[in-house]
Amino acid sequence: MPTGPIQFDLNFKVTGTGQVAYNGGETKGYPTYAVYAYEYVDGKTVRKELWRRPEGTPDELDKPMKPTP
């Protein structure tokens, strides 16, 4: 059983006009991580997935952080 923590550092850029961009970071690789942005378009909230790192295995919690794309 892994003893390491669930850990991640994610970097974002948010402009004055509300634009959001994912600028990379690091994760342990477990569990799945995802980043979303939300916009209000034509009276509806629209969700946009900016980035997703699929789930690895629990033993990755005992390994060092890895850069994200």
N, C-alpha and C. Protein backbone atom coordinates (compact mmCIF):
# COMPACT_ATOMS: atom_id res chain seq x y z
N MET A 1 0.85 -1.18 0.00
CA MET A 1 0.00 0.00 0.00
C MET A 1 0.90 1.24 0.00
N PRO A 2 0.63 2.21 -0.90
CA PRO A 2 1.45 3.43 -0.95
C PRO A 2 1.28 4.28 0.31
N THR A 3 2.34 4.97 0.66
CA THR A 3 2.29 5.86 1.82
C THR A 3 2.46 7.33 1.45
N GLY A 4 2.79 7.60 0.19
CA GLY A 4 3.00 8.98 -0.26
C GLY A 4 1.69 9.74 -0.39
N PRO A 5 1.75 11.07 -0.32
CA PRO A 5 0.53 11.89 -0.42
C PRO A 5 0.06 12.08 -1.85
N ILE A 6 -1.23 12.35 -2.01
CA ILE A 6 -1.73 12.85 -3.29
C ILE A 6 -1.23 14.28 -3.37
N GLN A 7 -0.49 14.59 -4.44
CA GLN A 7 0.16 15.89 -4.51
C GLN A 7 0.17 16.39 -5.95
N PHE A 8 -0.11 17.69 -6.13
CA PHE A 8 -0.04 18.30 -7.45
C PHE A 8 0.17 19.80 -7.32
N ASP A 9 0.85 20.36 -8.31
CA ASP A 9 1.02 21.81 -8.46
C ASP A 9 0.64 22.14 -9.89
N LEU A 10 -0.40 22.96 -10.06
CA LEU A 10 -0.87 23.32 -11.39
C LEU A 10 -0.82 24.83 -11.53
N ASN A 11 -0.38 25.31 -12.69
CA ASN A 11 -0.23 26.75 -12.93
C ASN A 11 -1.22 27.22 -13.98
N PHE A 12 -1.88 28.34 -13.68
CA PHE A 12 -2.87 28.92 -14.58
C PHE A 12 -2.55 30.38 -14.86
N LYS A 13 -3.04 30.85 -15.99
CA LYS A 13 -2.97 32.28 -16.31
C LYS A 13 -4.41 32.72 -16.55
N VAL A 14 -4.83 33.77 -15.83
CA VAL A 14 -6.17 34.32 -16.01
C VAL A 14 -6.00 35.79 -16.40
N THR A 15 -6.54 36.15 -17.56
CA THR A 15 -6.41 37.53 -18.03
C THR A 15 -7.49 38.40 -17.42
N GLY A 16 -7.36 39.70 -17.58
CA GLY A 16 -8.35 40.64 -17.08
C GLY A 16 -9.70 40.49 -17.75
N THR A 17 -9.73 39.86 -18.92
CA THR A 17 -10.99 39.64 -19.63
C THR A 17 -11.60 38.27 -19.30
N GLY A 18 -10.95 37.53 -18.39
CA GLY A 18 -11.51 36.26 -17.95
C GLY A 18 -11.03 35.04 -18.71
N GLN A 19 -10.11 35.21 -19.64
CA GLN A 19 -9.57 34.06 -20.37
C GLN A 19 -8.67 33.25 -19.43
N VAL A 20 -8.79 31.92 -19.46
CA VAL A 20 -8.02 31.05 -18.58
C VAL A 20 -7.18 30.12 -19.44
N ALA A 21 -5.92 29.98 -19.09
CA ALA A 21 -5.03 29.05 -19.78
C ALA A 21 -4.28 28.22 -18.75
N TYR A 22 -4.09 26.96 -19.07
CA TYR A 22 -3.31 26.07 -18.22
C TYR A 22 -1.86 26.18 -18.66
N ASN A 23 -0.95 26.45 -17.71
CA ASN A 23 0.46 26.68 -18.03
C ASN A 23 1.39 25.62 -17.46
N GLY A 24 0.91 24.40 -17.29
CA GLY A 24 1.78 23.31 -16.84
C GLY A 24 1.82 23.17 -15.33
N GLY A 25 2.63 22.23 -14.88
CA GLY A 25 2.76 21.96 -13.46
C GLY A 25 3.40 20.60 -13.24
N GLU A 26 3.16 20.02 -12.06
CA GLU A 26 3.70 18.72 -11.72
C GLU A 26 2.63 17.93 -10.95
N THR A 27 2.64 16.61 -11.13
CA THR A 27 1.75 15.74 -10.37
C THR A 27 2.48 14.47 -9.96
N LYS A 28 1.89 13.76 -9.02
CA LYS A 28 2.40 12.45 -8.64
C LYS A 28 1.94 11.38 -9.64
N GLY A 29 0.95 11.67 -10.44
CA GLY A 29 0.47 10.71 -11.43
C GLY A 29 -0.73 9.90 -10.99
N TYR A 30 -1.21 10.13 -9.79
CA TYR A 30 -2.39 9.42 -9.30
C TYR A 30 -3.11 10.32 -8.32
N PRO A 31 -4.38 10.46 -8.34
CA PRO A 31 -5.38 9.93 -9.26
C PRO A 31 -5.44 10.77 -10.53
N THR A 32 -6.56 10.70 -11.26
CA THR A 32 -6.76 11.53 -12.44
C THR A 32 -6.85 12.99 -12.01
N TYR A 33 -6.25 13.86 -12.80
CA TYR A 33 -6.36 15.30 -12.59
C TYR A 33 -6.97 15.91 -13.85
N ALA A 34 -7.87 16.87 -13.69
CA ALA A 34 -8.47 17.55 -14.82
C ALA A 34 -8.67 19.01 -14.47
N VAL A 35 -8.59 19.85 -15.50
CA VAL A 35 -8.75 21.30 -15.34
C VAL A 35 -9.82 21.76 -16.32
N TYR A 36 -10.78 22.53 -15.81
CA TYR A 36 -11.89 23.00 -16.63
C TYR A 36 -12.00 24.52 -16.55
N ALA A 37 -12.51 25.11 -17.63
CA ALA A 37 -12.89 26.52 -17.64
C ALA A 37 -14.38 26.57 -17.95
N TYR A 38 -15.05 27.58 -17.42
CA TYR A 38 -16.49 27.73 -17.63
C TYR A 38 -16.76 29.09 -18.24
N GLU A 39 -17.64 29.10 -19.25
CA GLU A 39 -18.04 30.34 -19.91
C GLU A 39 -19.57 30.41 -19.93
N TYR A 40 -20.06 31.61 -19.95
CA TYR A 40 -21.50 31.83 -20.10
C TYR A 40 -21.73 32.25 -21.54
N VAL A 41 -22.36 31.36 -22.35
CA VAL A 41 -22.55 31.60 -23.78
C VAL A 41 -24.03 31.45 -24.12
N ASP A 42 -24.59 32.47 -24.71
CA ASP A 42 -26.00 32.44 -25.14
C ASP A 42 -26.94 31.97 -24.02
N GLY A 43 -26.68 32.45 -22.81
CA GLY A 43 -27.56 32.14 -21.70
C GLY A 43 -27.31 30.79 -21.04
N LYS A 44 -26.26 30.08 -21.47
CA LYS A 44 -25.96 28.77 -20.91
C LYS A 44 -24.51 28.71 -20.44
N THR A 45 -24.27 27.94 -19.39
CA THR A 45 -22.91 27.72 -18.92
C THR A 45 -22.29 26.60 -19.75
N VAL A 46 -21.13 26.89 -20.32
CA VAL A 46 -20.42 25.93 -21.16
C VAL A 46 -19.12 25.56 -20.48
N ARG A 47 -18.89 24.26 -20.33
CA ARG A 47 -17.66 23.77 -19.71
C ARG A 47 -16.67 23.36 -20.79
N LYS A 48 -15.42 23.79 -20.63
CA LYS A 48 -14.37 23.44 -21.58
C LYS A 48 -13.24 22.76 -20.80
N GLU A 49 -12.88 21.55 -21.20
CA GLU A 49 -11.77 20.86 -20.56
C GLU A 49 -10.46 21.41 -21.12
N LEU A 50 -9.61 21.96 -20.25
CA LEU A 50 -8.34 22.52 -20.67
C LEU A 50 -7.22 21.49 -20.66
N TRP A 51 -7.29 20.56 -19.72
CA TRP A 51 -6.21 19.60 -19.55
C TRP A 51 -6.69 18.41 -18.74
N ARG A 52 -6.17 17.23 -19.06
CA ARG A 52 -6.49 16.02 -18.29
C ARG A 52 -5.26 15.13 -18.25
N ARG A 53 -4.96 14.65 -17.06
CA ARG A 53 -3.89 13.67 -16.88
C ARG A 53 -4.57 12.40 -16.39
N PRO A 54 -4.59 11.34 -17.25
CA PRO A 54 -5.27 10.11 -16.86
C PRO A 54 -4.65 9.49 -15.61
N GLU A 55 -5.48 8.73 -14.92
CA GLU A 55 -5.06 8.08 -13.69
C GLU A 55 -3.98 7.04 -13.97
N GLY A 56 -2.94 7.07 -13.14
CA GLY A 56 -1.91 6.04 -13.18
C GLY A 56 -2.28 4.94 -12.19
N THR A 57 -1.31 4.53 -11.40
CA THR A 57 -1.54 3.49 -10.39
C THR A 57 -1.21 4.05 -9.01
N PRO A 58 -1.82 3.52 -7.95
CA PRO A 58 -1.58 4.05 -6.61
C PRO A 58 -0.10 4.07 -6.20
N ASP A 59 0.72 3.14 -6.72
CA ASP A 59 2.13 3.14 -6.33
C ASP A 59 2.88 4.39 -6.78
N GLU A 60 2.30 5.15 -7.71
CA GLU A 60 2.92 6.41 -8.15
C GLU A 60 2.95 7.45 -7.03
N LEU A 61 2.14 7.27 -5.99
CA LEU A 61 2.15 8.20 -4.86
C LEU A 61 3.47 8.16 -4.10
N ASP A 62 4.22 7.07 -4.21
CA ASP A 62 5.52 6.96 -3.54
C ASP A 62 6.68 7.42 -4.42
N LYS A 63 6.37 7.86 -5.64
CA LYS A 63 7.41 8.31 -6.58
C LYS A 63 7.46 9.83 -6.62
N PRO A 64 8.54 10.39 -7.21
CA PRO A 64 8.65 11.86 -7.29
C PRO A 64 7.60 12.46 -8.23
N MET A 65 7.41 13.75 -8.07
CA MET A 65 6.51 14.50 -8.95
C MET A 65 7.06 14.44 -10.38
N LYS A 66 6.11 14.51 -11.37
CA LYS A 66 6.48 14.51 -12.79
C LYS A 66 5.89 15.76 -13.44
N PRO A 67 6.62 16.36 -14.39
CA PRO A 67 6.06 17.51 -15.11
C PRO A 67 4.81 17.09 -15.91
N THR A 68 3.87 18.00 -16.02
CA THR A 68 2.69 17.76 -16.83
C THR A 68 2.88 18.47 -18.17
N PRO A 69 2.21 17.98 -19.20
CA PRO A 69 2.36 18.62 -20.52
C PRO A 69 1.73 20.00 -20.56
